[in-house]
Amino acid sequence: MKIPIIKHLTNFIEANDEDYVVEAIEVLEDLTEVPTLKDEELDVIGELISNMYGAIEVHKEIKKGVAKRDALNGFMKRVLGSIDT
């Protein structure tokens, strides 16, 4: 996951609507079913999906009143904490 991408997607959600990102995730998840995709391609799609889900989580925190910077930092701490365990 990359903070700049999550931040950009969060801005997109704020300017437009979360539904666009949810629908994009659905399309990307469906693409993973293509049998001829290479592992590298699946990795890229997986990274995009992860960043999109991250942006949705950050946006939920912002809607609760958490500052964007704090929401982004808190999300990344949770991600890094789950990787360490």
C-alpha atoms as a PDB file:
ATOM      1  CA  MET A   1       0.000   0.000   0.000  1.00  0.00           C
ATOM      2  CA  LYS A   2       1.176   3.455  -0.805  1.00  0.00           C
ATOM      3  CA  ILE A   3       0.104   6.513   1.151  1.00  0.00           C
ATOM      4  CA  PRO A   4       0.228   8.899  -1.861  1.00  0.00           C
ATOM      5  CA  ILE A   5      -2.145   6.647  -3.807  1.00  0.00           C
ATOM      6  CA  ILE A   6      -4.487   6.192  -0.838  1.00  0.00           C
ATOM      7  CA  LYS A   7      -4.455   9.949  -0.254  1.00  0.00           C
ATOM      8  CA  HIS A   8      -5.228  10.609  -3.931  1.00  0.00           C
ATOM      9  CA  LEU A   9      -8.075   8.097  -3.912  1.00  0.00           C
ATOM     10  CA  THR A  10      -9.418   9.596  -0.674  1.00  0.00           C
ATOM     11  CA  ASN A  11      -9.478  12.998  -2.361  1.00  0.00           C
ATOM     12  CA  PHE A  12     -11.291  11.414  -5.300  1.00  0.00           C
ATOM     13  CA  ILE A  13     -13.907   9.930  -2.964  1.00  0.00           C
ATOM     14  CA  GLU A  14     -14.402  13.308  -1.283  1.00  0.00           C
ATOM     15  CA  ALA A  15     -14.790  15.085  -4.627  1.00  0.00           C
ATOM     16  CA  ASN A  16     -17.014  12.454  -6.214  1.00  0.00           C
ATOM     17  CA  ASP A  17     -18.489   9.452  -4.445  1.00  0.00           C
ATOM     18  CA  GLU A  18     -17.310   6.294  -2.724  1.00  0.00           C
ATOM     19  CA  ASP A  19     -19.471   4.236  -5.081  1.00  0.00           C
ATOM     20  CA  TYR A  20     -17.096   4.887  -7.985  1.00  0.00           C
ATOM     21  CA  VAL A  21     -14.241   3.288  -6.067  1.00  0.00           C
ATOM     22  CA  VAL A  22     -16.399   0.383  -4.892  1.00  0.00           C
ATOM     23  CA  GLU A  23     -17.439  -0.304  -8.477  1.00  0.00           C
ATOM     24  CA  ALA A  24     -13.838  -0.072  -9.684  1.00  0.00           C
ATOM     25  CA  ILE A  25     -12.872  -2.626  -7.030  1.00  0.00           C
ATOM     26  CA  GLU A  26     -15.601  -4.946  -8.287  1.00  0.00           C
ATOM     27  CA  VAL A  27     -14.277  -4.652 -11.849  1.00  0.00           C
ATOM     28  CA  LEU A  28     -10.684  -5.314 -10.768  1.00  0.00           C
ATOM     29  CA  GLU A  29     -11.734  -8.274  -8.626  1.00  0.00           C
ATOM     30  CA  ASP A  30     -13.585  -9.716 -11.607  1.00  0.00           C
ATOM     31  CA  LEU A  31     -10.485  -9.256 -13.776  1.00  0.00           C
ATOM     32  CA  THR A  32      -8.495 -11.461 -11.419  1.00  0.00           C
ATOM     33  CA  GLU A  33     -10.528 -14.378 -12.744  1.00  0.00           C
ATOM     34  CA  VAL A  34      -8.958 -14.103 -16.211  1.00  0.00           C
ATOM     35  CA  PRO A  35      -6.969 -17.341 -16.483  1.00  0.00           C
ATOM     36  CA  THR A  36      -4.253 -15.935 -18.737  1.00  0.00           C
ATOM     37  CA  LEU A  37      -3.123 -13.180 -16.363  1.00  0.00           C
ATOM     38  CA  LYS A  38       0.484 -13.397 -15.296  1.00  0.00           C
ATOM     39  CA  ASP A  39       1.507 -13.287 -11.646  1.00  0.00           C
ATOM     40  CA  GLU A  40       2.958  -9.796 -12.092  1.00  0.00           C
ATOM     41  CA  GLU A  41      -0.339  -8.561 -13.503  1.00  0.00           C
ATOM     42  CA  LEU A  42      -2.256 -10.104 -10.619  1.00  0.00           C
ATOM     43  CA  ASP A  43       0.139  -8.416  -8.208  1.00  0.00           C
ATOM     44  CA  VAL A  44      -0.550  -5.017  -9.766  1.00  0.00           C
ATOM     45  CA  ILE A  45      -4.303  -5.557  -9.664  1.00  0.00           C
ATOM     46  CA  GLY A  46      -4.043  -6.716  -6.052  1.00  0.00           C
ATOM     47  CA  GLU A  47      -2.049  -3.623  -5.107  1.00  0.00           C
ATOM     48  CA  LEU A  48      -4.653  -1.377  -6.736  1.00  0.00           C
ATOM     49  CA  ILE A  49      -7.465  -3.150  -4.909  1.00  0.00           C
ATOM     50  CA  SER A  50      -5.614  -2.841  -1.594  1.00  0.00           C
ATOM     51  CA  ASN A  51      -5.084   0.875  -2.086  1.00  0.00           C
ATOM     52  CA  MET A  52      -8.737   1.367  -2.976  1.00  0.00           C
ATOM     53  CA  TYR A  53      -9.921  -0.490   0.117  1.00  0.00           C
ATOM     54  CA  GLY A  54      -7.469   1.573   2.141  1.00  0.00           C
ATOM     55  CA  ALA A  55      -8.906   4.800   0.758  1.00  0.00           C
ATOM     56  CA  ILE A  56     -12.411   3.666   1.665  1.00  0.00           C
ATOM     57  CA  GLU A  57     -11.282   2.926   5.237  1.00  0.00           C
ATOM     58  CA  VAL A  58      -9.562   6.310   5.522  1.00  0.00           C
ATOM     59  CA  HIS A  59     -12.657   8.037   4.142  1.00  0.00           C
ATOM     60  CA  LYS A  60     -14.822   6.323   6.789  1.00  0.00           C
ATOM     61  CA  GLU A  61     -12.555   7.715   9.503  1.00  0.00           C
ATOM     62  CA  ILE A  62     -12.718  11.201   7.981  1.00  0.00           C
ATOM     63  CA  LYS A  63     -16.522  11.007   7.958  1.00  0.00           C
ATOM     64  CA  LYS A  64     -16.347  10.238  11.705  1.00  0.00           C
ATOM     65  CA  GLY A  65     -14.504  13.535  12.193  1.00  0.00           C
ATOM     66  CA  VAL A  66     -10.885  12.365  12.195  1.00  0.00           C
ATOM     67  CA  ALA A  67      -8.501  14.747  10.430  1.00  0.00           C
ATOM     68  CA  LYS A  68      -7.346  13.423   7.044  1.00  0.00           C
ATOM     69  CA  ARG A  69      -3.693  13.315   8.086  1.00  0.00           C
ATOM     70  CA  ASP A  70      -4.538  11.451  11.293  1.00  0.00           C
ATOM     71  CA  ALA A  71      -6.822   9.060   9.435  1.00  0.00           C
ATOM     72  CA  LEU A  72      -4.074   8.266   6.905  1.00  0.00           C
ATOM     73  CA  ASN A  73      -1.423   7.821   9.588  1.00  0.00           C
ATOM     74  CA  GLY A  74      -3.710   5.709  11.759  1.00  0.00           C
ATOM     75  CA  PHE A  75      -4.587   3.473   8.858  1.00  0.00           C
ATOM     76  CA  MET A  76      -0.960   2.883   7.934  1.00  0.00           C
ATOM     77  CA  LYS A  77      -0.069   2.129  11.567  1.00  0.00           C
ATOM     78  CA  ARG A  78      -2.822  -0.491  11.659  1.00  0.00           C
ATOM     79  CA  VAL A  79      -1.594  -2.010   8.384  1.00  0.00           C
ATOM     80  CA  LEU A  80       2.020  -2.095   9.502  1.00  0.00           C
ATOM     81  CA  GLY A  81       0.972  -3.498  12.887  1.00  0.00           C
ATOM     82  CA  SER A  82      -0.924  -6.334  11.207  1.00  0.00           C
ATOM     83  CA  ILE A  83       2.101  -7.139   9.054  1.00  0.00           C
ATOM     84  CA  ASP A  84       4.400  -7.356  12.070  1.00  0.00           C
ATOM     85  CA  THR A  85       2.228  -9.940  13.841  1.00  0.00           C
END
